[in-house]
Amino acid sequence: MSVHAAHVEEHMMNLYLGITLAVLAAPLALSFDKRVAFHRRWKQLFLSMIPVSAAYLAWDVWVTGRGDWWFSTEYAGSWKILGLPPGEWLFFLVVPYACIFILEVVRAYFPRYVHTKRTWVNAVGILAVGGSLILAILFREQEYTVLALASFAFWVSAVLILQPQLFHDSHILWFFLLSTVAFLLVNGILTGMPIVLYNPQAIWGVRIITIPLEDLFYNIGMLGFYVLSYEAVGRHLSRRTRNAGT
């Protein structure tokens, strides 16, 4: 192999890591925007990321080990920690940073509307939980399908019980819309190249172009838990600040 070819191969192996860092670049650079001032919320963000990232990393290690999905050595490299390449570990730092940044941008620049028909909104949430659990039972032999649906249902249930006001806030709806667009773009690259490959026995086989439909449920549930944790930590820090001032 020539030196040039070796360099090309090395760059290709670092592609997943490069894509992950590219996702971080704009949110990090714009974190000092005066109106958003996201840098002032870094403590809240990083504290809130710890439990959610730990849980989803454990899930990732587990399902990768059993073969629900795996990573192309051509694009992600052969070096792994607990079966995951460096780009995948960084994913659970970069994605919550970028997406919670989107939430704060929405709060800074978008008008806010609070839905008054709360009973109707809650009913939709309950139907979403019930529908997800029924599908998980019907497709119980498809392991990633079951986990993605269960994660989504668990998140909706947690919001309905702990912070139902999130479902009534237009800022949260805008957040999920914009985050889903970003998810489709980035995950489209990861699954299109493909950097991430899926066991056909573990999924429905229904795809949004190249993205397994299960990834949509996974993404909404994961980002939802980050928001839930972020809001809870924010309230805790606010109480501590008020108590310290009295």
Protein backbone atom coordinates (compact mmCIF):
# COMPACT_ATOMS: atom_id res chain seq x y z
CA MET A 1 0.00 0.00 0.00
CA SER A 2 1.36 3.45 -0.94
CA VAL A 3 1.84 6.21 1.64
CA HIS A 4 -0.99 8.21 0.03
CA ALA A 5 -3.35 5.25 0.14
CA ALA A 6 -2.45 4.63 3.77
CA HIS A 7 -3.27 8.27 4.62
CA VAL A 8 -6.59 8.04 2.79
CA GLU A 9 -7.46 4.85 4.69
CA GLU A 10 -6.53 6.46 8.01
CA HIS A 11 -8.74 9.48 7.28
CA MET A 12 -11.64 7.23 6.32
CA MET A 13 -11.25 5.29 9.57
CA ASN A 14 -11.54 8.57 11.50
CA LEU A 15 -14.62 9.69 9.58
CA TYR A 16 -17.12 8.83 12.33
CA LEU A 17 -15.09 10.78 14.86
CA GLY A 18 -14.85 13.71 12.43
CA ILE A 19 -18.60 13.76 11.79
CA THR A 20 -19.30 13.74 15.52
CA LEU A 21 -16.94 16.66 16.12
CA ALA A 22 -18.46 18.56 13.19
CA VAL A 23 -21.89 18.28 14.84
CA LEU A 24 -20.44 20.01 17.91
CA ALA A 25 -18.67 22.83 16.05
CA ALA A 26 -21.53 25.25 15.38
CA PRO A 27 -23.35 24.87 18.74
CA LEU A 28 -20.08 25.32 20.62
CA ALA A 29 -19.10 28.39 18.60
CA LEU A 30 -22.56 29.96 19.05
CA SER A 31 -22.81 29.17 22.76
CA PHE A 32 -21.58 32.67 23.54
CA ASP A 33 -24.36 34.40 21.59
CA LYS A 34 -25.53 37.16 23.94
CA ARG A 35 -29.21 36.31 23.66
CA VAL A 36 -28.78 32.55 24.11
CA ALA A 37 -25.76 32.66 26.47
CA PHE A 38 -25.64 28.87 26.53
CA HIS A 39 -22.23 28.88 28.19
CA ARG A 40 -23.92 30.07 31.39
CA ARG A 41 -25.86 26.80 31.50
CA TRP A 42 -22.93 24.43 31.04
CA LYS A 43 -23.04 23.27 34.67
CA GLN A 44 -26.74 22.48 34.38
CA LEU A 45 -26.16 20.72 31.07
CA PHE A 46 -23.23 18.53 32.10
CA LEU A 47 -24.82 17.50 35.41
CA SER A 48 -28.00 16.55 33.57
CA MET A 49 -26.09 14.56 30.94
CA ILE A 50 -24.42 12.20 33.41
CA PRO A 51 -27.33 9.84 34.25
CA VAL A 52 -28.85 9.82 30.75
CA SER A 53 -25.57 9.33 28.88
CA ALA A 54 -24.53 6.60 31.32
CA ALA A 55 -27.81 4.73 30.79
CA TYR A 56 -27.72 4.98 27.00
CA LEU A 57 -24.03 4.10 26.83
CA ALA A 58 -24.76 0.96 28.87
CA TRP A 59 -27.58 0.14 26.44
CA ASP A 60 -25.24 0.77 23.49
CA VAL A 61 -22.54 -1.52 24.89
CA TRP A 62 -25.11 -4.23 25.59
CA VAL A 63 -26.88 -4.25 22.21
CA THR A 64 -23.61 -3.90 20.29
CA GLY A 65 -22.28 -6.89 22.17
CA ARG A 66 -25.28 -9.01 21.29
CA GLY A 67 -25.22 -7.87 17.64
CA ASP A 68 -28.25 -5.59 17.23
CA TRP A 69 -25.93 -3.14 15.47
CA TRP A 70 -22.24 -2.72 14.84
CA PHE A 71 -19.79 -0.19 13.41
CA SER A 72 -17.89 -0.27 10.15
CA THR A 73 -14.15 -0.55 10.76
CA GLU A 74 -13.67 1.22 7.41
CA TYR A 75 -15.19 4.46 8.71
CA ALA A 76 -15.11 4.12 12.52
CA GLY A 77 -11.76 2.39 12.95
CA SER A 78 -10.90 -0.87 14.66
CA TRP A 79 -9.97 0.61 18.05
CA LYS A 80 -12.84 0.20 20.51
CA ILE A 81 -13.66 0.58 24.17
CA LEU A 82 -16.22 -1.99 25.37
CA GLY A 83 -17.06 -2.64 21.74
CA LEU A 84 -17.71 1.01 20.85
CA PRO A 85 -15.45 3.20 18.66
CA PRO A 86 -14.32 6.65 19.91
CA GLY A 87 -16.90 8.42 17.75
CA GLU A 88 -19.71 6.54 19.48
CA TRP A 89 -18.46 7.47 22.96
CA LEU A 90 -18.20 11.09 21.88
CA PHE A 91 -21.73 10.88 20.46
CA PHE A 92 -23.19 10.89 23.98
CA LEU A 93 -21.45 14.16 24.76
CA VAL A 94 -21.94 15.94 21.44
CA VAL A 95 -25.58 15.08 20.72
CA PRO A 96 -27.02 16.26 24.05
CA TYR A 97 -24.88 19.40 23.87
CA ALA A 98 -26.04 20.23 20.36
CA CYS A 99 -29.69 19.41 20.99
CA ILE A 100 -30.07 21.19 24.33
CA PHE A 101 -28.40 24.13 22.60
CA ILE A 102 -31.26 23.98 20.07
CA LEU A 103 -33.73 24.09 22.96
CA GLU A 104 -32.11 27.22 24.38
CA VAL A 105 -32.03 28.87 20.95
CA VAL A 106 -35.75 28.17 20.59
CA ARG A 107 -36.39 29.68 24.01
CA ALA A 108 -34.36 32.76 23.13
CA TYR A 109 -35.73 33.45 19.65
CA PHE A 110 -39.15 31.76 19.31
CA PRO A 111 -42.41 33.06 20.82
CA ARG A 112 -43.81 30.74 23.47
CA TYR A 113 -47.32 29.33 23.50
CA VAL A 114 -48.67 27.12 26.30
CA HIS A 115 -51.45 24.76 25.27
CA THR A 116 -54.55 25.16 27.39
CA LYS A 117 -56.23 21.92 26.30
CA ARG A 118 -54.10 19.85 28.63
CA THR A 119 -56.48 16.93 28.92
CA TRP A 120 -56.35 16.40 25.15
CA VAL A 121 -52.54 16.62 25.10
CA ASN A 122 -52.23 14.16 27.98
CA ALA A 123 -54.64 11.77 26.25
CA VAL A 124 -52.38 11.73 23.18
CA GLY A 125 -49.44 10.92 25.44
CA ILE A 126 -51.30 8.02 27.06
CA LEU A 127 -52.26 6.66 23.63
CA ALA A 128 -48.62 6.92 22.53
CA VAL A 129 -47.53 4.88 25.55
CA GLY A 130 -50.22 2.26 24.99
CA GLY A 131 -49.54 2.00 21.26
CA SER A 132 -45.79 1.66 21.77
CA LEU A 133 -46.19 -1.10 24.35
CA ILE A 134 -48.64 -3.00 22.14
CA LEU A 135 -46.21 -2.82 19.21
CA ALA A 136 -43.35 -3.92 21.48
CA ILE A 137 -45.36 -7.00 22.47
CA LEU A 138 -46.38 -7.79 18.89
CA PHE A 139 -42.78 -7.52 17.65
CA ARG A 140 -41.12 -8.94 20.77
CA GLU A 141 -38.77 -11.13 18.74
CA GLN A 142 -37.13 -8.05 17.20
CA GLU A 143 -34.85 -6.94 19.98
CA TYR A 144 -33.96 -3.40 18.90
CA THR A 145 -37.59 -2.70 18.00
CA VAL A 146 -38.69 -3.70 21.50
CA LEU A 147 -36.05 -1.61 23.26
CA ALA A 148 -36.64 1.49 21.12
CA LEU A 149 -40.40 1.37 21.67
CA ALA A 150 -40.00 0.66 25.40
CA SER A 151 -37.58 3.57 25.78
CA PHE A 152 -40.01 5.90 24.01
CA ALA A 153 -42.96 4.69 26.13
CA PHE A 154 -40.94 5.02 29.34
CA TRP A 155 -40.00 8.61 28.47
CA VAL A 156 -43.57 9.65 27.65
CA SER A 157 -44.74 8.05 30.91
CA ALA A 158 -42.02 9.84 32.88
CA VAL A 159 -43.05 13.21 31.43
CA LEU A 160 -46.75 12.61 32.12
CA ILE A 161 -45.94 11.76 35.75
CA LEU A 162 -43.07 14.12 36.56
CA GLN A 163 -43.25 17.12 34.19
CA PRO A 164 -46.50 17.10 32.17
CA GLN A 165 -46.09 20.81 31.46
CA LEU A 166 -43.39 19.95 28.92
CA PHE A 167 -46.02 18.54 26.57
CA HIS A 168 -47.98 21.79 26.71
CA ASP A 169 -45.06 24.06 25.85
CA SER A 170 -44.62 25.11 22.20
CA HIS A 171 -40.88 25.53 22.79
CA ILE A 172 -40.57 21.81 23.50
CA LEU A 173 -42.51 20.97 20.35
CA TRP A 174 -40.24 23.21 18.27
CA PHE A 175 -37.23 21.61 19.94
CA PHE A 176 -38.31 18.13 18.91
CA LEU A 177 -39.14 19.23 15.39
CA LEU A 178 -35.76 20.91 14.83
CA SER A 179 -33.84 18.17 16.62
CA THR A 180 -35.54 15.53 14.48
CA VAL A 181 -34.52 17.36 11.31
CA ALA A 182 -30.92 17.45 12.58
CA PHE A 183 -31.16 13.78 13.53
CA LEU A 184 -32.37 12.80 10.05
CA LEU A 185 -29.47 14.65 8.43
CA VAL A 186 -26.73 13.23 10.67
CA ASN A 187 -28.16 9.74 11.04
CA GLY A 188 -28.76 9.67 7.30
CA ILE A 189 -25.00 10.00 6.83
CA LEU A 190 -24.21 7.39 9.49
CA THR A 191 -26.61 4.82 8.03
CA GLY A 192 -26.11 5.78 4.40
CA MET A 193 -22.36 5.30 4.12
CA PRO A 194 -22.89 3.07 6.23
CA ILE A 195 -20.95 3.75 9.42
CA VAL A 196 -23.57 2.02 11.58
CA LEU A 197 -25.01 -1.30 10.39
CA TYR A 198 -28.05 -3.14 11.79
CA ASN A 199 -28.94 -6.77 12.28
CA PRO A 200 -31.99 -7.28 10.00
CA GLN A 201 -33.41 -9.77 12.53
CA ALA A 202 -33.51 -7.07 15.25
CA ILE A 203 -35.50 -4.41 13.37
CA TRP A 204 -38.72 -4.01 11.37
CA GLY A 205 -36.85 -3.32 8.15
CA VAL A 206 -38.90 -0.16 7.53
CA ARG A 207 -36.56 2.74 6.78
CA ILE A 208 -36.71 6.50 6.36
CA ILE A 209 -34.47 6.40 3.27
CA THR A 210 -31.55 4.60 5.00
CA ILE A 211 -32.55 5.14 8.64
CA PRO A 212 -34.35 2.31 10.47
CA LEU A 213 -37.71 3.53 11.78
CA GLU A 214 -36.71 2.32 15.26
CA ASP A 215 -34.02 5.02 15.33
CA LEU A 216 -36.74 7.67 15.34
CA PHE A 217 -38.27 6.25 18.54
CA TYR A 218 -34.79 5.83 20.01
CA ASN A 219 -33.87 9.43 19.20
CA ILE A 220 -37.07 10.97 20.59
CA GLY A 221 -36.83 8.92 23.78
CA MET A 222 -33.16 9.68 24.32
CA LEU A 223 -33.45 13.42 23.66
CA GLY A 224 -36.60 13.49 25.77
CA PHE A 225 -34.73 12.05 28.74
CA TYR A 226 -31.98 14.63 28.27
CA VAL A 227 -34.59 17.41 28.37
CA LEU A 228 -36.31 15.87 31.40
CA SER A 229 -33.01 15.66 33.26
CA TYR A 230 -31.92 19.13 32.12
CA GLU A 231 -35.12 20.72 33.41
CA ALA A 232 -34.92 18.84 36.73
CA VAL A 233 -31.30 19.88 37.30
CA GLY A 234 -32.17 23.46 36.35
CA ARG A 235 -34.89 23.59 39.00
CA HIS A 236 -32.57 22.09 41.60
CA LEU A 237 -29.82 24.63 40.88
CA SER A 238 -32.33 27.49 40.97
CA ARG A 239 -33.56 26.37 44.40
CA ARG A 240 -29.99 26.17 45.69
CA THR A 241 -29.27 29.67 44.41
CA ARG A 242 -32.42 31.07 46.04
CA ASN A 243 -31.68 29.31 49.33
CA ALA A 244 -28.10 30.58 49.29
CA GLY A 245 -29.39 34.13 48.85
CA THR A 246 -31.72 33.98 51.85
